[in-house]
Amino acid sequence: MPKQKTHRASAKRFKRTGSGGLKRFRAFTSHRFHGKTKKQRRHLRKASMVHSGDFKRIKSMVSQMR
């Protein structure tokens, strides 16, 4: 049986944390900031963790990632 390969698009979008979690960047940050408040823009700058419901699926795509 062949080895499972890392999904390269996912590997570019997610980073593994030291405790084994997956860090992701937020959506809605490329343009149209005039419609967002300062608080929204400030919070969008911060990275966040992958939700537990999505973790298993994404973990299998980036299984070989360190």
PDB file of N, CA and C in Angstrom:
ATOM      1  N   MET A   1       0.841  -1.180   0.000  1.00  0.00           N
ATOM      2  CA  MET A   1       0.000   0.000   0.000  1.00  0.00           C
ATOM      3  C   MET A   1       0.891   1.250   0.000  1.00  0.00           C
ATOM      4  N   PRO A   2       0.589   2.241  -0.844  1.00  0.00           N
ATOM      5  CA  PRO A   2       1.443   3.426  -0.909  1.00  0.00           C
ATOM      6  C   PRO A   2       1.292   4.308   0.328  1.00  0.00           C
ATOM      7  N   LYS A   3       2.314   5.119   0.545  1.00  0.00           N
ATOM      8  CA  LYS A   3       2.282   6.039   1.676  1.00  0.00           C
ATOM      9  C   LYS A   3       1.285   7.158   1.413  1.00  0.00           C
ATOM     10  N   GLN A   4       0.717   7.681   2.490  1.00  0.00           N
ATOM     11  CA  GLN A   4      -0.170   8.823   2.365  1.00  0.00           C
ATOM     12  C   GLN A   4       0.670  10.086   2.212  1.00  0.00           C
ATOM     13  N   LYS A   5       0.346  10.890   1.219  1.00  0.00           N
ATOM     14  CA  LYS A   5       1.108  12.108   0.971  1.00  0.00           C
ATOM     15  C   LYS A   5       0.438  13.302   1.638  1.00  0.00           C
ATOM     16  N   THR A   6       1.251  14.279   1.957  1.00  0.00           N
ATOM     17  CA  THR A   6       0.746  15.516   2.537  1.00  0.00           C
ATOM     18  C   THR A   6       0.048  16.331   1.458  1.00  0.00           C
ATOM     19  N   HIS A   7      -1.122  16.868   1.788  1.00  0.00           N
ATOM     20  CA  HIS A   7      -1.850  17.750   0.884  1.00  0.00           C
ATOM     21  C   HIS A   7      -1.135  19.096   0.910  1.00  0.00           C
ATOM     22  N   ARG A   8      -0.470  19.441  -0.199  1.00  0.00           N
ATOM     23  CA  ARG A   8       0.439  20.582  -0.197  1.00  0.00           C
ATOM     24  C   ARG A   8      -0.279  21.918   0.025  1.00  0.00           C
ATOM     25  N   ALA A   9      -1.490  22.059  -0.493  1.00  0.00           N
ATOM     26  CA  ALA A   9      -2.223  23.311  -0.276  1.00  0.00           C
ATOM     27  C   ALA A   9      -2.549  23.490   1.200  1.00  0.00           C
ATOM     28  N   SER A  10      -2.877  22.401   1.880  1.00  0.00           N
ATOM     29  CA  SER A  10      -3.169  22.484   3.312  1.00  0.00           C
ATOM     30  C   SER A  10      -1.911  22.748   4.119  1.00  0.00           C
ATOM     31  N   ALA A  11      -0.804  22.173   3.701  1.00  0.00           N
ATOM     32  CA  ALA A  11       0.451  22.370   4.426  1.00  0.00           C
ATOM     33  C   ALA A  11       0.885  23.833   4.387  1.00  0.00           C
ATOM     34  N   LYS A  12       0.495  24.558   3.340  1.00  0.00           N
ATOM     35  CA  LYS A  12       0.848  25.969   3.244  1.00  0.00           C
ATOM     36  C   LYS A  12      -0.066  26.849   4.086  1.00  0.00           C
ATOM     37  N   ARG A  13      -1.234  26.350   4.448  1.00  0.00           N
ATOM     38  CA  ARG A  13      -2.218  27.153   5.168  1.00  0.00           C
ATOM     39  C   ARG A  13      -2.261  26.889   6.665  1.00  0.00           C
ATOM     40  N   PHE A  14      -1.730  25.765   7.115  1.00  0.00           N
ATOM     41  CA  PHE A  14      -1.793  25.396   8.526  1.00  0.00           C
ATOM     42  C   PHE A  14      -0.393  25.163   9.062  1.00  0.00           C
ATOM     43  N   LYS A  15      -0.202  25.506  10.335  1.00  0.00           N
ATOM     44  CA  LYS A  15       1.071  25.271  11.007  1.00  0.00           C
ATOM     45  C   LYS A  15       0.803  24.457  12.265  1.00  0.00           C
ATOM     46  N   ARG A  16       1.689  23.517  12.551  1.00  0.00           N
ATOM     47  CA  ARG A  16       1.562  22.681  13.736  1.00  0.00           C
ATOM     48  C   ARG A  16       2.120  23.444  14.938  1.00  0.00           C
ATOM     49  N   THR A  17       1.410  23.415  16.059  1.00  0.00           N
ATOM     50  CA  THR A  17       1.897  24.068  17.271  1.00  0.00           C
ATOM     51  C   THR A  17       2.706  23.077  18.092  1.00  0.00           C
ATOM     52  N   GLY A  18       3.372  23.574  19.105  1.00  0.00           N
ATOM     53  CA  GLY A  18       4.196  22.714  19.939  1.00  0.00           C
ATOM     54  C   GLY A  18       3.400  21.678  20.698  1.00  0.00           C
ATOM     55  N   SER A  19       2.150  22.001  21.034  1.00  0.00           N
ATOM     56  CA  SER A  19       1.319  21.064  21.788  1.00  0.00           C
ATOM     57  C   SER A  19       0.522  20.133  20.882  1.00  0.00           C
ATOM     58  N   GLY A  20       0.743  20.219  19.563  1.00  0.00           N
ATOM     59  CA  GLY A  20       0.077  19.302  18.641  1.00  0.00           C
ATOM     60  C   GLY A  20      -1.156  19.857  17.964  1.00  0.00           C
ATOM     61  N   GLY A  21      -1.528  21.091  18.256  1.00  0.00           N
ATOM     62  CA  GLY A  21      -2.685  21.690  17.611  1.00  0.00           C
ATOM     63  C   GLY A  21      -2.339  22.198  16.222  1.00  0.00           C
ATOM     64  N   LEU A  22      -3.341  22.748  15.549  1.00  0.00           N
ATOM     65  CA  LEU A  22      -3.131  23.325  14.224  1.00  0.00           C
ATOM     66  C   LEU A  22      -3.537  24.792  14.255  1.00  0.00           C
ATOM     67  N   LYS A  23      -2.637  25.654  13.807  1.00  0.00           N
ATOM     68  CA  LYS A  23      -2.892  27.084  13.772  1.00  0.00           C
ATOM     69  C   LYS A  23      -3.299  27.465  12.361  1.00  0.00           C
ATOM     70  N   ARG A  24      -4.270  28.367  12.254  1.00  0.00           N
ATOM     71  CA  ARG A  24      -4.725  28.829  10.947  1.00  0.00           C
ATOM     72  C   ARG A  24      -4.850  30.343  10.971  1.00  0.00           C
ATOM     73  N   PHE A  25      -4.873  30.930   9.784  1.00  0.00           N
ATOM     74  CA  PHE A  25      -5.103  32.358   9.677  1.00  0.00           C
ATOM     75  C   PHE A  25      -6.560  32.595   9.318  1.00  0.00           C
ATOM     76  N   ARG A  26      -7.038  33.770   9.619  1.00  0.00           N
ATOM     77  CA  ARG A  26      -8.463  34.056   9.481  1.00  0.00           C
ATOM     78  C   ARG A  26      -8.838  34.448   8.050  1.00  0.00           C
ATOM     79  N   ALA A  27     -10.092  34.228   7.723  1.00  0.00           N
ATOM     80  CA  ALA A  27     -10.630  34.627   6.425  1.00  0.00           C
ATOM     81  C   ALA A  27     -11.042  36.105   6.475  1.00  0.00           C
ATOM     82  N   PHE A  28     -11.433  36.650   5.346  1.00  0.00           N
ATOM     83  CA  PHE A  28     -11.935  38.025   5.214  1.00  0.00           C
ATOM     84  C   PHE A  28     -10.860  39.062   5.520  1.00  0.00           C
ATOM     85  N   THR A  29      -9.612  38.812   5.106  1.00  0.00           N
ATOM     86  CA  THR A  29      -8.543  39.759   5.421  1.00  0.00           C
ATOM     87  C   THR A  29      -7.826  40.288   4.184  1.00  0.00           C
ATOM     88  N   SER A  30      -8.369  40.091   2.999  1.00  0.00           N
ATOM     89  CA  SER A  30      -7.626  40.506   1.811  1.00  0.00           C
ATOM     90  C   SER A  30      -8.017  41.895   1.307  1.00  0.00           C
ATOM     91  N   HIS A  31      -9.261  42.307   1.486  1.00  0.00           N
ATOM     92  CA  HIS A  31      -9.681  43.616   0.994  1.00  0.00           C
ATOM     93  C   HIS A  31     -10.996  44.002   1.665  1.00  0.00           C
ATOM     94  N   ARG A  32     -11.517  45.171   1.311  1.00  0.00           N
ATOM     95  CA  ARG A  32     -12.775  45.705   1.840  1.00  0.00           C
ATOM     96  C   ARG A  32     -12.737  45.913   3.350  1.00  0.00           C
ATOM     97  N   PHE A  33     -11.705  46.568   3.820  1.00  0.00           N
ATOM     98  CA  PHE A  33     -11.600  46.842   5.249  1.00  0.00           C
ATOM     99  C   PHE A  33     -12.418  48.060   5.669  1.00  0.00           C
ATOM    100  N   HIS A  34     -12.857  48.873   4.718  1.00  0.00           N
ATOM    101  CA  HIS A  34     -13.622  50.059   5.098  1.00  0.00           C
ATOM    102  C   HIS A  34     -14.974  49.691   5.703  1.00  0.00           C
ATOM    103  N   GLY A  35     -15.460  48.500   5.448  1.00  0.00           N
ATOM    104  CA  GLY A  35     -16.732  48.070   6.019  1.00  0.00           C
ATOM    105  C   GLY A  35     -16.595  47.374   7.354  1.00  0.00           C
ATOM    106  N   LYS A  36     -15.380  47.278   7.855  1.00  0.00           N
ATOM    107  CA  LYS A  36     -15.135  46.592   9.118  1.00  0.00           C
ATOM    108  C   LYS A  36     -14.698  47.607  10.174  1.00  0.00           C
ATOM    109  N   THR A  37     -15.052  47.339  11.407  1.00  0.00           N
ATOM    110  CA  THR A  37     -14.655  48.228  12.494  1.00  0.00           C
ATOM    111  C   THR A  37     -13.186  48.001  12.843  1.00  0.00           C
ATOM    112  N   LYS A  38     -12.618  48.923  13.622  1.00  0.00           N
ATOM    113  CA  LYS A  38     -11.229  48.771  14.046  1.00  0.00           C
ATOM    114  C   LYS A  38     -11.056  47.498  14.867  1.00  0.00           C
ATOM    115  N   LYS A  39     -12.039  47.201  15.679  1.00  0.00           N
ATOM    116  CA  LYS A  39     -11.958  46.000  16.518  1.00  0.00           C
ATOM    117  C   LYS A  39     -11.947  44.740  15.658  1.00  0.00           C
ATOM    118  N   GLN A  40     -12.783  44.706  14.623  1.00  0.00           N
ATOM    119  CA  GLN A  40     -12.797  43.552  13.722  1.00  0.00           C
ATOM    120  C   GLN A  40     -11.453  43.387  13.029  1.00  0.00           C
ATOM    121  N   ARG A  41     -10.904  44.495  12.535  1.00  0.00           N
ATOM    122  CA  ARG A  41      -9.621  44.432  11.836  1.00  0.00           C
ATOM    123  C   ARG A  41      -8.502  43.976  12.763  1.00  0.00           C
ATOM    124  N   ARG A  42      -8.536  44.434  13.995  1.00  0.00           N
ATOM    125  CA  ARG A  42      -7.514  44.051  14.969  1.00  0.00           C
ATOM    126  C   ARG A  42      -7.587  42.556  15.263  1.00  0.00           C
ATOM    127  N   HIS A  43      -8.791  42.032  15.424  1.00  0.00           N
ATOM    128  CA  HIS A  43      -8.950  40.607  15.716  1.00  0.00           C
ATOM    129  C   HIS A  43      -8.623  39.733  14.514  1.00  0.00           C
ATOM    130  N   LEU A  44      -8.830  40.250  13.310  1.00  0.00           N
ATOM    131  CA  LEU A  44      -8.513  39.476  12.111  1.00  0.00           C
ATOM    132  C   LEU A  44      -7.012  39.315  11.904  1.00  0.00           C
ATOM    133  N   ARG A  45      -6.218  40.186  12.518  1.00  0.00           N
ATOM    134  CA  ARG A  45      -4.761  40.062  12.401  1.00  0.00           C
ATOM    135  C   ARG A  45      -4.226  38.854  13.148  1.00  0.00           C
ATOM    136  N   LYS A  46      -4.922  38.442  14.186  1.00  0.00           N
ATOM    137  CA  LYS A  46      -4.445  37.345  15.022  1.00  0.00           C
ATOM    138  C   LYS A  46      -4.763  36.003  14.366  1.00  0.00           C
ATOM    139  N   ALA A  47      -3.858  35.068  14.524  1.00  0.00           N
ATOM    140  CA  ALA A  47      -4.121  33.705  14.055  1.00  0.00           C
ATOM    141  C   ALA A  47      -5.021  33.008  15.069  1.00  0.00           C
ATOM    142  N   SER A  48      -5.680  31.947  14.657  1.00  0.00           N
ATOM    143  CA  SER A  48      -6.529  31.199  15.575  1.00  0.00           C
ATOM    144  C   SER A  48      -6.289  29.713  15.374  1.00  0.00           C
ATOM    145  N   MET A  49      -6.863  28.927  16.251  1.00  0.00           N
ATOM    146  CA  MET A  49      -6.685  27.487  16.209  1.00  0.00           C
ATOM    147  C   MET A  49      -7.792  26.849  15.374  1.00  0.00           C
ATOM    148  N   VAL A  50      -7.498  25.693  14.815  1.00  0.00           N
ATOM    149  CA  VAL A  50      -8.491  24.947  14.041  1.00  0.00           C
ATOM    150  C   VAL A  50      -9.540  24.403  15.003  1.00  0.00           C
ATOM    151  N   HIS A  51     -10.800  24.509  14.633  1.00  0.00           N
ATOM    152  CA  HIS A  51     -11.899  24.034  15.462  1.00  0.00           C
ATOM    153  C   HIS A  51     -11.830  22.519  15.612  1.00  0.00           C
ATOM    154  N   SER A  52     -12.269  22.026  16.751  1.00  0.00           N
ATOM    155  CA  SER A  52     -12.160  20.589  17.035  1.00  0.00           C
ATOM    156  C   SER A  52     -12.952  19.736  16.051  1.00  0.00           C
ATOM    157  N   GLY A  53     -14.046  20.270  15.502  1.00  0.00           N
ATOM    158  CA  GLY A  53     -14.826  19.518  14.537  1.00  0.00           C
ATOM    159  C   GLY A  53     -14.102  19.307  13.218  1.00  0.00           C
ATOM    160  N   ASP A  54     -13.192  20.215  12.878  1.00  0.00           N
ATOM    161  CA  ASP A  54     -12.432  20.124  11.631  1.00  0.00           C
ATOM    162  C   ASP A  54     -11.061  19.505  11.821  1.00  0.00           C
ATOM    163  N   PHE A  55     -10.636  19.349  13.064  1.00  0.00           N
ATOM    164  CA  PHE A  55      -9.260  18.959  13.349  1.00  0.00           C
ATOM    165  C   PHE A  55      -8.903  17.599  12.756  1.00  0.00           C
ATOM    166  N   LYS A  56      -9.768  16.610  12.912  1.00  0.00           N
ATOM    167  CA  LYS A  56      -9.452  15.251  12.454  1.00  0.00           C
ATOM    168  C   LYS A  56      -9.276  15.206  10.935  1.00  0.00           C
ATOM    169  N   ARG A  57     -10.151  15.900  10.220  1.00  0.00           N
ATOM    170  CA  ARG A  57     -10.089  15.909   8.755  1.00  0.00           C
ATOM    171  C   ARG A  57      -8.828  16.611   8.262  1.00  0.00           C
ATOM    172  N   ILE A  58      -8.511  17.744   8.849  1.00  0.00           N
ATOM    173  CA  ILE A  58      -7.333  18.495   8.420  1.00  0.00           C
ATOM    174  C   ILE A  58      -6.060  17.778   8.842  1.00  0.00           C
ATOM    175  N   LYS A  59      -6.083  17.148  10.005  1.00  0.00           N
ATOM    176  CA  LYS A  59      -4.902  16.432  10.490  1.00  0.00           C
ATOM    177  C   LYS A  59      -4.516  15.314   9.530  1.00  0.00           C
ATOM    178  N   SER A  60      -5.502  14.646   8.928  1.00  0.00           N
ATOM    179  CA  SER A  60      -5.187  13.571   7.984  1.00  0.00           C
ATOM    180  C   SER A  60      -4.569  14.127   6.700  1.00  0.00           C
ATOM    181  N   MET A  61      -4.929  15.358   6.326  1.00  0.00           N
ATOM    182  CA  MET A  61      -4.360  15.957   5.120  1.00  0.00           C
ATOM    183  C   MET A  61      -2.920  16.403   5.336  1.00  0.00           C
ATOM    184  N   VAL A  62      -2.592  16.795   6.557  1.00  0.00           N
ATOM    185  CA  VAL A  62      -1.244  17.290   6.844  1.00  0.00           C
ATOM    186  C   VAL A  62      -0.530  16.344   7.800  1.00  0.00           C
ATOM    187  N   SER A  63      -0.771  15.061   7.650  1.00  0.00           N
ATOM    188  CA  SER A  63      -0.266  14.074   8.603  1.00  0.00           C
ATOM    189  C   SER A  63       1.252  14.008   8.639  1.00  0.00           C
ATOM    190  N   GLN A  64       1.925  14.237   7.521  1.00  0.00           N
ATOM    191  CA  GLN A  64       3.376  14.140   7.477  1.00  0.00           C
ATOM    192  C   GLN A  64       4.060  15.445   7.864  1.00  0.00           C
ATOM    193  N   MET A  65       3.270  16.498   8.070  1.00  0.00           N
ATOM    194  CA  MET A  65       3.842  17.798   8.392  1.00  0.00           C
ATOM    195  C   MET A  65       4.371  17.812   9.819  1.00  0.00           C
ATOM    196  N   ARG A  66       5.500  18.427  10.032  1.00  0.00           N
ATOM    197  CA  ARG A  66       6.070  18.502  11.381  1.00  0.00           C
ATOM    198  C   ARG A  66       5.857  19.867  11.974  1.00  0.00           C
TER     199      ARG A  66
END
